[in-house]
Amino acid sequence: MVFPAVLPKVAARWLFTFYRATRKLRRQAFQLYNRNAAAAKPPSSAAVSQQGHAATAKQSPAILDDAAAGAAADGTVVCDVHGALLRSTSLFPYFMLVAFEGGSLLRAALLLCAFPLVWALGERRGVRVMAFVTFAGLAPRDADLVARAVLPKHYMEQLNALVYERLWLPSRRKVAVTAAPRVMSEWFLREYTAADAVVGPELHHVAVGRRRYFTGLLAGPAPGRDVLQEALGAVADVGVVSSSSPVDQLLVPCSKEVYVVSRESTKSAKLPRDKYPKPLIFHDGRLAFLPTPAAMLAFFLFLPLGVILSVIRINIGIVLPYKINFVAGAIFGVRFRTSGLRAPPADGKRRRGVLYVCTHRTLVDPIMLTTALQKPVPALTYSLSRLSEVIAPIKTVRLTRDRARDAETMSRLLKQGDLAVCPEGTTCREPYLLRFSPLFAELADDMEPVALDAQVTTLYGTTASGHKWLDPVAFFANPVPSYRVEFLGAVPREWTRAGGRTGVEVANWVQRRLGEALEFECTGLTRRDKYMMLAGNDGVVAK
């Protein structure tokens, strides 16, 4: 009886000792860093001026005036990526995205477990820890795919509007400095923000047979002043750092004028979507949130329950009748809203079925359509996984991308009854509609556009580079998955082939009608454009 009573005291003593040791280790690490950086870091702007580099530090409110934009116009700007160009100062979420999307769930869990050590050392020293856990054994192709298809979405959402519009855009030459490995942000900075040079640590890799893998170790020390001077070509006109930047001692001596971005100013400096450097139409990855340490801890704690809920929700759609799907789904947290459903013709006689033209947000779009109609409607698919075909509660018919054969298949199915089709050919997560294939408009006159939209908070239910058979599991594993189904009424006869319109004109009209209903922007991009934009160096993304 004594031993169980002593256990809580021993555990409390151990935790207290570990906490004191961690605090001491962190304090000593900071003192060591300050001693090593004292010689390199200029003590004040006056000292820098004596060296010929007049660096004037200004707080973020000064960025709002016209003088800041004038100083950067037609000049050279060197900017710290994290905390200045981006509103977020922490590097951890971006390492977590690489670990989760490019690695595995286990690698992401290991990185989360390593966060206490990163916190104890501080992110300046903890970069090496995060780099090792994230990249050790990872193929460069996987890291490059994450850098192209996953990270740009999160980088774009974190762009600092003040710095980007007032200092970065007006400059003639743009140089970005990052404390994270350069492979993580270089593609985004060059392709989206038009950076001329990116300075950051390099990762060491080894060759195993014909393949290469990262060792997780940084190749040498962090880039110094000589590397930055080479990238700049001369002293920068404007330098931008954050109030807690690990690279401030590198940027300040190389800048004539320095602007310091405070944390308070970044809270209201989010760049609106309509001012993005490029439209963010395509991106990949499962995580629908920025994976901060607290958010990832909550994610891993909820994940077992989410998997159980997903299995239950999927079985509700497979087993239960349509009439009680709404109630059963609502009990288990699925939000489903439908509107605009019209009654069938009174005589019930039609030579051909209705062609429901749907937007494509996830693979469960046809299932949500049939749930709203309260009857099974066959759906046309392109690249549905075998598992999804087996568990689907409706009939699915694969298209071959052979125009003649697909037209024959659609015509035959319409003679048998109603049919659902997604003319975009692939899913799109952002508020955009891809170009509609005109094939559907050439085969049917009785058409009805259906606007479908899905909302998630944790996991996306689509992927281009992951395992497609997990798409429905991921979607229904969200705490509260939400779906909206809106029927827009039959296409007017004057906007069909029977009314003298071409197939392209009908497809464009239907696309605009759906875009207006969802408040989405219509584009001319196609499924091929999506896979080319999300592809890595070898152009292959789908598994």
Protein backbone atom coordinates (compact mmCIF):
# COMPACT_ATOMS: atom_id res chain seq x y z
CA MET A 1 0.00 0.00 0.00
CA VAL A 2 2.95 2.34 0.55
CA PHE A 3 4.35 1.98 -2.97
CA PRO A 4 1.24 3.30 -4.83
CA ALA A 5 1.03 6.24 -2.45
CA VAL A 6 4.66 7.21 -3.12
CA LEU A 7 4.30 7.11 -6.93
CA PRO A 8 2.54 10.51 -7.27
CA LYS A 9 5.21 12.17 -5.12
CA VAL A 10 8.01 10.62 -7.18
CA ALA A 11 6.35 11.68 -10.41
CA ALA A 12 5.81 15.24 -9.18
CA ARG A 13 9.43 15.45 -8.02
CA TRP A 14 10.66 14.15 -11.37
CA LEU A 15 8.57 16.64 -13.34
CA PHE A 16 9.76 19.53 -11.17
CA THR A 17 13.40 18.49 -11.61
CA PHE A 18 12.95 18.16 -15.39
CA TYR A 19 11.34 21.63 -15.53
CA ARG A 20 14.25 23.23 -13.64
CA ALA A 21 16.81 21.45 -15.83
CA THR A 22 15.01 22.60 -18.98
CA ARG A 23 14.92 26.22 -17.81
CA LYS A 24 18.61 26.09 -16.94
CA LEU A 25 19.52 24.51 -20.28
CA ARG A 26 17.59 27.15 -22.20
CA ARG A 27 19.16 30.00 -20.22
CA GLN A 28 22.66 28.68 -20.78
CA ALA A 29 21.97 28.18 -24.49
CA PHE A 30 20.85 31.79 -24.86
CA GLN A 31 23.90 33.05 -22.94
CA LEU A 32 26.21 31.00 -25.15
CA TYR A 33 24.53 32.30 -28.27
CA ASN A 34 24.76 35.91 -27.11
CA ARG A 35 28.49 35.56 -26.32
CA ASN A 36 29.18 34.06 -29.75
CA ALA A 37 27.10 36.68 -31.58
CA ALA A 38 28.31 39.70 -29.60
CA ALA A 39 31.21 40.33 -31.95
CA ALA A 40 29.13 39.95 -35.11
CA LYS A 41 26.04 41.88 -34.03
CA PRO A 42 26.36 45.66 -34.19
CA PRO A 43 25.66 47.27 -30.82
CA SER A 44 23.66 50.15 -32.25
CA SER A 45 22.71 51.89 -35.43
CA ALA A 46 25.29 54.57 -34.67
CA ALA A 47 28.07 51.99 -34.70
CA VAL A 48 26.84 50.70 -38.03
CA SER A 49 26.84 54.21 -39.43
CA GLN A 50 30.53 54.56 -38.54
CA GLN A 51 31.24 51.51 -40.69
CA GLY A 52 29.63 53.17 -43.69
CA HIS A 53 26.31 51.30 -43.51
CA ALA A 54 23.85 53.76 -42.06
CA ALA A 55 21.21 51.44 -40.63
CA THR A 56 18.22 53.27 -39.22
CA ALA A 57 15.81 51.07 -37.22
CA LYS A 58 12.13 51.96 -37.55
CA GLN A 59 9.14 50.27 -35.97
CA SER A 60 6.39 48.80 -38.12
CA PRO A 61 4.03 51.84 -38.05
CA ALA A 62 6.67 53.71 -40.08
CA ILE A 63 6.10 51.27 -42.93
CA LEU A 64 2.70 52.84 -43.54
CA ASP A 65 4.09 56.17 -44.72
CA ASP A 66 5.11 57.07 -48.26
CA ALA A 67 8.75 57.47 -47.29
CA ALA A 68 9.08 53.73 -46.74
CA ALA A 69 7.83 52.90 -50.23
CA GLY A 70 10.06 55.63 -51.66
CA ALA A 71 13.12 54.18 -49.99
CA ALA A 72 12.44 50.77 -51.52
CA ALA A 73 11.39 51.96 -54.98
CA ASP A 74 13.87 50.92 -57.66
CA GLY A 75 16.25 49.79 -54.94
CA THR A 76 17.36 46.56 -53.29
CA VAL A 77 15.38 45.08 -50.40
CA VAL A 78 16.65 42.28 -48.17
CA CYS A 79 13.93 40.77 -46.01
CA ASP A 80 13.71 38.17 -43.28
CA VAL A 81 11.12 35.63 -44.38
CA HIS A 82 9.66 34.52 -41.05
CA GLY A 83 8.38 37.42 -39.00
CA ALA A 84 8.83 40.13 -41.64
CA LEU A 85 7.66 39.01 -45.09
CA LEU A 86 5.44 36.45 -43.34
CA ARG A 87 3.33 37.37 -40.32
CA SER A 88 4.21 34.17 -38.46
CA THR A 89 7.54 34.13 -36.64
CA SER A 90 7.56 30.44 -35.73
CA LEU A 91 9.30 27.93 -37.99
CA PHE A 92 7.70 24.89 -36.37
CA PRO A 93 4.43 24.83 -38.41
CA TYR A 94 6.29 24.67 -41.71
CA PHE A 95 8.59 21.88 -40.55
CA MET A 96 5.46 20.06 -39.37
CA LEU A 97 3.86 20.42 -42.80
CA VAL A 98 6.91 18.82 -44.43
CA ALA A 99 7.01 16.05 -41.81
CA PHE A 100 3.29 15.29 -42.13
CA GLU A 101 2.73 15.71 -45.87
CA GLY A 102 6.13 14.63 -47.18
CA GLY A 103 6.88 12.09 -44.47
CA SER A 104 4.27 10.26 -42.46
CA LEU A 105 1.99 10.47 -39.45
CA LEU A 106 4.73 8.88 -37.32
CA ARG A 107 7.32 11.46 -38.39
CA ALA A 108 4.88 14.25 -37.52
CA ALA A 109 4.29 12.70 -34.09
CA LEU A 110 8.06 12.50 -33.49
CA LEU A 111 8.46 16.17 -34.42
CA LEU A 112 5.69 17.11 -32.00
CA CYS A 113 7.42 15.10 -29.26
CA ALA A 114 10.65 16.98 -30.03
CA PHE A 115 9.00 20.37 -29.57
CA PRO A 116 9.85 20.61 -25.82
CA LEU A 117 13.54 20.28 -26.74
CA VAL A 118 13.13 22.89 -29.50
CA TRP A 119 11.43 25.22 -27.01
CA ALA A 120 14.21 24.68 -24.47
CA LEU A 121 16.94 25.46 -26.99
CA GLY A 122 15.01 28.25 -28.69
CA GLU A 123 14.16 28.16 -32.38
CA ARG A 124 17.58 29.59 -33.30
CA ARG A 125 19.27 26.44 -32.02
CA GLY A 126 16.22 24.25 -32.44
CA VAL A 127 16.31 24.57 -36.23
CA ARG A 128 18.85 21.76 -36.38
CA VAL A 129 16.66 19.53 -34.23
CA MET A 130 13.58 20.21 -36.35
CA ALA A 131 15.56 19.74 -39.56
CA PHE A 132 16.90 16.36 -38.42
CA VAL A 133 13.52 14.96 -37.35
CA THR A 134 11.78 16.33 -40.46
CA PHE A 135 14.26 15.50 -43.21
CA ALA A 136 16.28 12.47 -42.02
CA GLY A 137 15.63 9.74 -44.59
CA LEU A 138 13.30 11.92 -46.69
CA ALA A 139 13.75 11.89 -50.47
CA PRO A 140 14.41 15.27 -52.13
CA ARG A 141 11.50 14.60 -54.49
CA ASP A 142 9.05 14.37 -51.57
CA ALA A 143 10.38 17.58 -50.04
CA ASP A 144 10.18 19.33 -53.41
CA LEU A 145 6.58 18.20 -53.87
CA VAL A 146 5.59 19.64 -50.48
CA ALA A 147 7.42 22.89 -51.27
CA ARG A 148 5.50 23.23 -54.55
CA ALA A 149 2.03 21.91 -53.70
CA VAL A 150 1.50 22.32 -49.94
CA LEU A 151 3.57 25.14 -48.43
CA PRO A 152 2.58 27.94 -50.88
CA LYS A 153 -0.99 27.91 -49.57
CA HIS A 154 0.14 28.46 -45.97
CA TYR A 155 2.84 30.95 -46.97
CA MET A 156 0.33 32.96 -48.97
CA GLU A 157 -2.11 33.15 -46.07
CA GLN A 158 0.68 34.44 -43.82
CA LEU A 159 2.01 37.19 -46.12
CA ASN A 160 2.41 40.52 -44.32
CA ALA A 161 0.41 43.05 -46.34
CA LEU A 162 2.37 46.05 -45.00
CA VAL A 163 5.79 44.67 -45.85
CA TYR A 164 4.73 43.06 -49.12
CA GLU A 165 2.91 46.07 -50.58
CA ARG A 166 5.03 48.92 -49.19
CA LEU A 167 8.55 47.51 -49.34
CA TRP A 168 8.75 44.25 -51.25
CA LEU A 169 6.71 45.01 -54.38
CA PRO A 170 8.19 48.46 -55.25
CA SER A 171 11.79 47.24 -55.04
CA ARG A 172 13.88 46.46 -58.11
CA ARG A 173 15.91 43.62 -56.58
CA LYS A 174 14.48 41.35 -53.88
CA VAL A 175 16.57 39.14 -51.59
CA ALA A 176 14.99 36.88 -48.97
CA VAL A 177 16.82 35.44 -45.94
CA THR A 178 15.43 32.46 -44.05
CA ALA A 179 16.61 30.54 -40.99
CA ALA A 180 14.90 27.36 -42.26
CA PRO A 181 16.41 25.11 -44.93
CA ARG A 182 16.26 26.85 -48.29
CA VAL A 183 14.45 23.94 -49.96
CA MET A 184 11.34 24.73 -47.93
CA SER A 185 10.65 28.25 -49.20
CA GLU A 186 12.81 28.94 -52.27
CA TRP A 187 10.26 27.75 -54.83
CA PHE A 188 7.47 29.84 -53.30
CA LEU A 189 9.63 32.95 -52.96
CA ARG A 190 10.83 32.80 -56.55
CA GLU A 191 7.58 31.76 -58.23
CA TYR A 192 5.05 33.75 -56.19
CA THR A 193 6.91 36.76 -54.78
CA ALA A 194 9.48 37.17 -57.59
CA ALA A 195 12.49 36.95 -55.27
CA ASP A 196 15.80 37.32 -57.11
CA ALA A 197 17.82 35.42 -54.51
CA VAL A 198 17.10 33.29 -51.45
CA VAL A 199 19.72 32.90 -48.71
CA GLY A 200 19.31 30.07 -46.23
CA PRO A 201 20.87 26.87 -44.85
CA GLU A 202 21.42 23.90 -47.13
CA LEU A 203 20.62 20.28 -46.27
CA HIS A 204 23.15 17.50 -46.59
CA HIS A 205 22.08 14.44 -48.57
CA VAL A 206 23.57 11.09 -49.50
CA ALA A 207 23.18 8.75 -52.46
CA VAL A 208 21.86 5.24 -51.83
CA GLY A 209 22.01 3.38 -55.11
CA ARG A 210 20.32 5.57 -57.70
CA ARG A 211 18.31 7.53 -55.15
CA ARG A 212 19.21 10.41 -52.88
CA TYR A 213 18.02 11.00 -49.33
CA PHE A 214 18.45 13.81 -46.87
CA THR A 215 20.50 13.04 -43.76
CA GLY A 216 18.68 15.70 -41.76
CA LEU A 217 21.95 17.56 -41.08
CA LEU A 218 22.63 21.09 -42.23
CA ALA A 219 25.49 21.30 -44.69
CA GLY A 220 27.90 23.47 -42.73
CA PRO A 221 27.16 26.54 -40.65
CA ALA A 222 24.39 29.01 -41.46
CA PRO A 223 25.16 31.40 -44.33
CA GLY A 224 27.24 34.37 -43.18
CA ARG A 225 27.63 37.97 -44.23
CA ASP A 226 29.82 37.09 -47.20
CA VAL A 227 27.08 34.89 -48.72
CA LEU A 228 24.48 37.63 -48.24
CA GLN A 229 26.80 40.26 -49.75
CA GLU A 230 27.30 38.04 -52.78
CA ALA A 231 23.52 37.68 -53.20
CA LEU A 232 22.97 41.42 -52.80
CA GLY A 233 25.84 42.53 -55.00
CA ALA A 234 26.12 45.68 -52.87
CA VAL A 235 24.68 47.14 -49.70
CA ALA A 236 20.87 46.83 -49.65
CA ASP A 237 18.85 50.03 -49.63
CA VAL A 238 16.28 48.62 -47.18
CA GLY A 239 16.45 45.73 -44.74
CA VAL A 240 13.35 44.31 -43.04
CA VAL A 241 13.59 42.21 -39.89
CA SER A 242 11.20 41.14 -37.15
CA SER A 243 11.42 42.12 -33.51
CA SER A 244 12.70 38.62 -32.64
CA SER A 245 14.55 37.67 -35.79
CA PRO A 246 17.40 35.13 -35.60
CA VAL A 247 19.00 36.72 -38.67
CA ASP A 248 18.88 40.39 -37.64
CA GLN A 249 22.63 40.51 -36.97
CA LEU A 250 23.13 39.31 -40.55
CA LEU A 251 20.81 41.80 -42.23
CA VAL A 252 21.53 45.00 -40.31
CA PRO A 253 25.20 45.47 -41.36
CA CYS A 254 24.24 44.91 -44.99
CA SER A 255 21.43 47.51 -45.13
CA LYS A 256 21.44 51.27 -45.34
CA GLU A 257 18.04 51.52 -43.68
CA VAL A 258 16.38 48.92 -41.47
CA TYR A 259 12.69 48.47 -40.68
CA VAL A 260 11.66 46.37 -37.69
CA VAL A 261 8.24 44.67 -37.86
CA SER A 262 6.60 44.38 -34.45
CA ARG A 263 4.36 41.46 -33.54
CA GLU A 264 1.42 43.76 -32.77
CA SER A 265 1.32 45.10 -36.32
CA THR A 266 1.18 41.63 -37.92
CA LYS A 267 -2.20 40.80 -36.37
CA SER A 268 -4.05 43.14 -38.74
CA ALA A 269 -1.69 42.94 -41.74
CA LYS A 270 -3.20 39.93 -43.51
CA LEU A 271 -3.04 40.18 -47.28
CA PRO A 272 -6.50 39.91 -48.92
CA ARG A 273 -7.04 37.09 -51.39
CA ASP A 274 -7.63 39.48 -54.28
CA LYS A 275 -4.14 40.94 -53.75
CA TYR A 276 -2.27 37.62 -53.80
CA PRO A 277 0.77 37.67 -56.12
CA LYS A 278 -0.85 34.82 -58.08
CA PRO A 279 -4.31 33.25 -57.73
CA LEU A 280 -4.17 30.35 -55.27
CA ILE A 281 -6.26 27.82 -57.21
CA PHE A 282 -4.49 24.50 -56.70
CA HIS A 283 -2.78 23.09 -53.65
CA ASP A 284 -2.35 19.66 -52.13
CA GLY A 285 -1.95 18.09 -48.71
CA ARG A 286 -4.30 16.78 -46.05
CA LEU A 287 -3.98 19.34 -43.24
CA ALA A 288 -6.51 22.16 -43.52
CA PHE A 289 -4.98 24.28 -40.74
CA LEU A 290 -1.63 25.81 -39.84
CA PRO A 291 -0.06 23.08 -37.64
CA THR A 292 1.15 25.01 -34.60
CA PRO A 293 2.26 22.88 -31.62
CA ALA A 294 -1.05 23.40 -29.78
CA ALA A 295 -3.08 22.67 -32.92
CA MET A 296 -1.14 19.48 -33.67
CA LEU A 297 -1.50 18.28 -30.09
CA ALA A 298 -5.26 18.75 -30.34
CA PHE A 299 -5.20 16.98 -33.73
CA PHE A 300 -3.44 13.89 -32.42
CA LEU A 301 -5.71 13.74 -29.37
CA PHE A 302 -8.81 13.92 -31.58
CA LEU A 303 -7.55 11.60 -34.33
CA PRO A 304 -8.66 8.26 -32.75
CA LEU A 305 -12.14 9.64 -32.17
CA GLY A 306 -12.15 11.13 -35.66
CA VAL A 307 -11.42 7.74 -37.25
CA ILE A 308 -14.25 6.14 -35.27
CA LEU A 309 -16.64 8.92 -36.29
CA SER A 310 -15.55 8.55 -39.90
CA VAL A 311 -16.36 4.84 -39.96
CA ILE A 312 -19.76 5.48 -38.38
CA ARG A 313 -20.60 8.32 -40.78
CA ILE A 314 -19.59 6.30 -43.84
CA ASN A 315 -21.72 3.37 -42.72
CA ILE A 316 -24.68 5.69 -42.22
CA GLY A 317 -24.57 6.53 -45.92
CA ILE A 318 -24.11 2.89 -46.94
CA VAL A 319 -26.55 1.06 -44.69
CA LEU A 320 -29.34 3.41 -43.60
CA PRO A 321 -32.24 4.46 -45.87
CA TYR A 322 -32.19 7.93 -47.38
CA LYS A 323 -35.13 9.14 -45.29
CA ILE A 324 -33.21 8.89 -42.02
CA ASN A 325 -29.76 9.81 -43.32
CA PHE A 326 -30.29 13.46 -42.42
CA VAL A 327 -31.16 12.76 -38.80
CA ALA A 328 -28.51 10.09 -38.29
CA GLY A 329 -25.81 12.26 -39.89
CA ALA A 330 -26.78 15.27 -37.77
CA ILE A 331 -26.57 13.17 -34.60
CA PHE A 332 -22.97 12.30 -35.45
CA GLY A 333 -21.97 15.85 -36.36
CA VAL A 334 -22.47 16.08 -40.15
CA ARG A 335 -23.94 19.41 -41.26
CA PHE A 336 -26.02 19.03 -44.42
CA ARG A 337 -28.01 21.83 -46.04
CA THR A 338 -30.05 21.58 -49.24
CA SER A 339 -32.24 24.05 -51.12
CA GLY A 340 -33.97 24.57 -54.45
CA LEU A 341 -35.11 20.98 -54.96
CA ARG A 342 -37.95 20.88 -57.51
CA ALA A 343 -40.78 18.34 -57.60
CA PRO A 344 -40.74 15.72 -60.41
CA PRO A 345 -43.20 16.08 -63.33
CA ALA A 346 -46.79 15.20 -62.48
CA ASP A 347 -47.17 12.64 -65.28
CA GLY A 348 -43.83 11.03 -64.44
CA LYS A 349 -43.16 10.31 -68.14
CA ARG A 350 -39.86 11.32 -69.71
CA ARG A 351 -37.97 9.85 -72.62
CA ARG A 352 -34.59 10.57 -71.01
CA GLY A 353 -33.35 11.25 -67.53
CA VAL A 354 -32.21 14.54 -66.02
CA LEU A 355 -28.50 15.30 -66.21
CA TYR A 356 -27.39 16.88 -62.92
CA VAL A 357 -24.35 19.06 -63.61
CA CYS A 358 -22.44 19.39 -60.32
CA THR A 359 -19.45 21.28 -59.04
CA HIS A 360 -16.66 19.00 -57.81
CA ARG A 361 -15.37 19.60 -54.27
CA THR A 362 -14.80 16.07 -52.92
CA LEU A 363 -15.34 12.46 -54.01
CA VAL A 364 -18.59 12.25 -52.01
CA ASP A 365 -20.32 14.90 -54.16
CA PRO A 366 -22.57 12.35 -55.96
CA ILE A 367 -23.47 10.71 -52.64
CA MET A 368 -24.54 14.04 -51.19
CA LEU A 369 -26.56 14.69 -54.33
CA THR A 370 -28.42 11.39 -54.01
CA THR A 371 -29.01 12.07 -50.32
CA ALA A 372 -30.63 15.40 -51.20
CA LEU A 373 -32.73 13.78 -53.96
CA GLN A 374 -33.67 10.85 -51.69
CA LYS A 375 -33.00 8.40 -54.54
CA PRO A 376 -29.91 6.77 -56.07
CA VAL A 377 -28.44 8.55 -59.07
CA PRO A 378 -25.55 6.96 -61.02
CA ALA A 379 -22.38 9.07 -61.21
CA LEU A 380 -19.63 9.33 -63.82
CA THR A 381 -16.06 9.19 -62.48
CA TYR A 382 -12.53 9.49 -63.82
CA SER A 383 -10.03 8.28 -61.21
CA LEU A 384 -12.01 6.81 -58.34
CA SER A 385 -10.13 4.26 -56.21
CA ARG A 386 -11.32 0.66 -56.17
CA LEU A 387 -12.14 0.84 -52.46
CA SER A 388 -14.33 3.90 -53.00
CA GLU A 389 -16.14 2.10 -55.82
CA VAL A 390 -16.80 -0.91 -53.59
CA ILE A 391 -18.19 1.01 -50.62
CA ALA A 392 -20.11 3.59 -52.70
CA PRO A 393 -23.89 3.30 -52.09
CA ILE A 394 -24.58 4.36 -55.70
CA LYS A 395 -23.61 3.08 -59.12
CA THR A 396 -20.37 4.58 -60.46
CA VAL A 397 -19.32 4.42 -64.10
CA ARG A 398 -15.74 5.08 -65.16
CA LEU A 399 -15.05 7.33 -68.12
CA THR A 400 -12.19 6.48 -70.47
CA ARG A 401 -11.30 10.01 -71.72
CA ASP A 402 -12.13 8.71 -75.19
CA ARG A 403 -14.68 11.24 -76.41
CA ALA A 404 -16.67 8.85 -78.62
CA ARG A 405 -16.85 6.05 -76.05
CA ASP A 406 -17.70 8.43 -73.20
CA ALA A 407 -20.47 10.05 -75.26
CA GLU A 408 -21.95 6.62 -75.97
CA THR A 409 -21.81 5.68 -72.29
CA MET A 410 -23.48 8.91 -71.14
CA SER A 411 -26.21 8.64 -73.77
CA ARG A 412 -26.99 5.06 -72.76
CA LEU A 413 -27.18 5.94 -69.06
CA LEU A 414 -29.46 8.93 -69.72
CA LYS A 415 -31.90 6.63 -71.52
CA GLN A 416 -32.05 4.52 -68.36
CA GLY A 417 -32.69 7.44 -65.98
CA ASP A 418 -31.09 10.38 -64.19
CA LEU A 419 -27.33 10.87 -64.20
CA ALA A 420 -24.80 12.97 -62.24
CA VAL A 421 -21.68 14.43 -63.83
CA CYS A 422 -18.90 16.78 -62.69
CA PRO A 423 -17.64 18.52 -65.88
CA GLU A 424 -14.58 19.97 -64.12
CA GLY A 425 -13.00 16.51 -64.15
CA THR A 426 -11.15 17.07 -60.87
CA THR A 427 -11.66 18.64 -57.47
CA CYS A 428 -10.76 22.19 -56.50
CA ARG A 429 -10.56 23.32 -52.87
CA GLU A 430 -10.47 27.07 -53.35
CA PRO A 431 -13.39 29.32 -54.46
CA TYR A 432 -12.77 28.74 -58.17
CA LEU A 433 -14.50 26.72 -60.87
CA LEU A 434 -12.36 25.00 -63.48
CA ARG A 435 -13.25 24.91 -67.15
CA PHE A 436 -16.24 22.69 -67.95
CA SER A 437 -15.95 19.99 -70.56
CA PRO A 438 -18.70 20.63 -73.17
CA LEU A 439 -19.41 16.92 -73.72
CA PHE A 440 -22.36 16.87 -71.29
CA ALA A 441 -24.01 19.82 -73.07
CA GLU A 442 -23.92 17.99 -76.40
CA LEU A 443 -25.81 14.95 -75.11
CA ALA A 444 -28.65 16.34 -73.01
CA ASP A 445 -31.18 19.16 -73.08
CA ASP A 446 -32.86 18.42 -69.74
CA MET A 447 -30.08 19.60 -67.44
CA GLU A 448 -30.04 21.06 -63.95
CA PRO A 449 -26.98 22.73 -62.41
CA VAL A 450 -26.33 21.73 -58.80
CA ALA A 451 -24.01 23.86 -56.64
CA LEU A 452 -22.13 21.73 -54.10
CA ASP A 453 -19.68 23.08 -51.56
CA ALA A 454 -17.82 21.31 -48.75
CA GLN A 455 -16.27 22.90 -45.67
CA VAL A 456 -13.66 21.23 -43.44
CA THR A 457 -11.57 22.40 -40.51
CA THR A 458 -9.00 19.64 -39.98
CA LEU A 459 -8.43 17.34 -42.96
CA TYR A 460 -9.08 17.81 -46.66
CA GLY A 461 -11.11 15.07 -48.33
CA THR A 462 -9.11 15.25 -51.58
CA THR A 463 -5.51 14.68 -52.61
CA ALA A 464 -3.42 14.62 -55.76
CA SER A 465 -0.25 13.05 -54.37
CA GLY A 466 -1.56 10.94 -51.49
CA HIS A 467 -3.70 7.82 -51.23
CA LYS A 468 -7.07 8.50 -52.85
CA TRP A 469 -8.74 5.60 -51.04
CA LEU A 470 -8.39 7.62 -47.84
CA ASP A 471 -10.32 10.60 -49.24
CA PRO A 472 -13.77 9.74 -47.78
CA VAL A 473 -12.18 8.63 -44.51
CA ALA A 474 -10.29 11.92 -44.21
CA PHE A 475 -13.35 14.03 -45.03
CA PHE A 476 -15.64 12.37 -42.50
CA ALA A 477 -12.86 12.37 -39.85
CA ASN A 478 -13.33 16.13 -39.46
CA PRO A 479 -15.02 17.21 -36.23
CA VAL A 480 -17.93 18.81 -38.10
CA PRO A 481 -17.87 18.16 -41.87
CA SER A 482 -20.26 20.48 -43.69
CA TYR A 483 -21.97 20.14 -47.07
CA ARG A 484 -24.21 22.47 -49.04
CA VAL A 485 -26.34 21.28 -51.97
CA GLU A 486 -28.27 23.90 -53.94
CA PHE A 487 -30.42 23.02 -56.97
CA LEU A 488 -30.51 25.92 -59.44
CA GLY A 489 -33.39 24.81 -61.65
CA ALA A 490 -33.46 23.50 -65.19
CA VAL A 491 -31.32 25.11 -67.85
CA PRO A 492 -33.57 27.34 -70.03
CA ARG A 493 -34.33 25.90 -73.45
CA GLU A 494 -32.71 28.88 -75.20
CA TRP A 495 -29.42 27.93 -73.52
CA THR A 496 -29.40 24.31 -74.73
CA ARG A 497 -28.47 22.62 -78.00
CA ALA A 498 -32.18 22.50 -78.83
CA GLY A 499 -32.21 26.29 -78.61
CA GLY A 500 -29.42 26.64 -81.16
CA ARG A 501 -26.47 26.99 -78.77
CA THR A 502 -23.17 25.18 -79.17
CA GLY A 503 -21.88 22.80 -76.55
CA VAL A 504 -19.17 25.26 -75.49
CA GLU A 505 -21.70 28.07 -75.03
CA VAL A 506 -23.93 25.86 -72.91
CA ALA A 507 -20.99 24.68 -70.77
CA ASN A 508 -19.82 28.26 -70.20
CA TRP A 509 -23.32 29.40 -69.25
CA VAL A 510 -23.72 26.57 -66.74
CA GLN A 511 -20.27 27.34 -65.28
CA ARG A 512 -21.16 31.02 -64.82
CA ARG A 513 -24.50 30.12 -63.25
CA LEU A 514 -22.83 27.85 -60.72
CA GLY A 515 -20.11 30.41 -60.04
CA GLU A 516 -22.71 33.08 -59.26
CA ALA A 517 -24.58 30.76 -56.90
CA LEU A 518 -21.44 29.84 -54.94
CA GLU A 519 -19.74 33.22 -55.39
CA PHE A 520 -16.80 31.42 -57.00
CA GLU A 521 -14.57 32.76 -59.75
CA CYS A 522 -14.70 30.93 -63.09
CA THR A 523 -11.37 29.99 -64.69
CA GLY A 524 -10.22 28.40 -67.92
CA LEU A 525 -7.96 25.89 -66.15
CA THR A 526 -8.44 22.15 -66.56
CA ARG A 527 -7.60 18.92 -64.78
CA ARG A 528 -4.33 18.69 -66.71
CA ASP A 529 -3.34 22.17 -65.52
CA LYS A 530 -3.91 21.10 -61.93
CA TYR A 531 -1.68 18.05 -62.13
CA MET A 532 1.03 19.93 -64.00
CA MET A 533 1.06 22.74 -61.40
CA LEU A 534 1.19 20.28 -58.50
CA ALA A 535 3.76 18.00 -60.12
CA GLY A 536 7.31 17.64 -58.96
CA ASN A 537 10.41 17.62 -61.13
CA ASP A 538 9.43 14.33 -62.75
CA GLY A 539 5.86 15.44 -63.39
CA VAL A 540 4.30 12.55 -61.44
CA VAL A 541 2.12 13.26 -58.42
CA ALA A 542 -0.57 10.62 -58.14
CA LYS A 543 0.04 7.37 -56.32
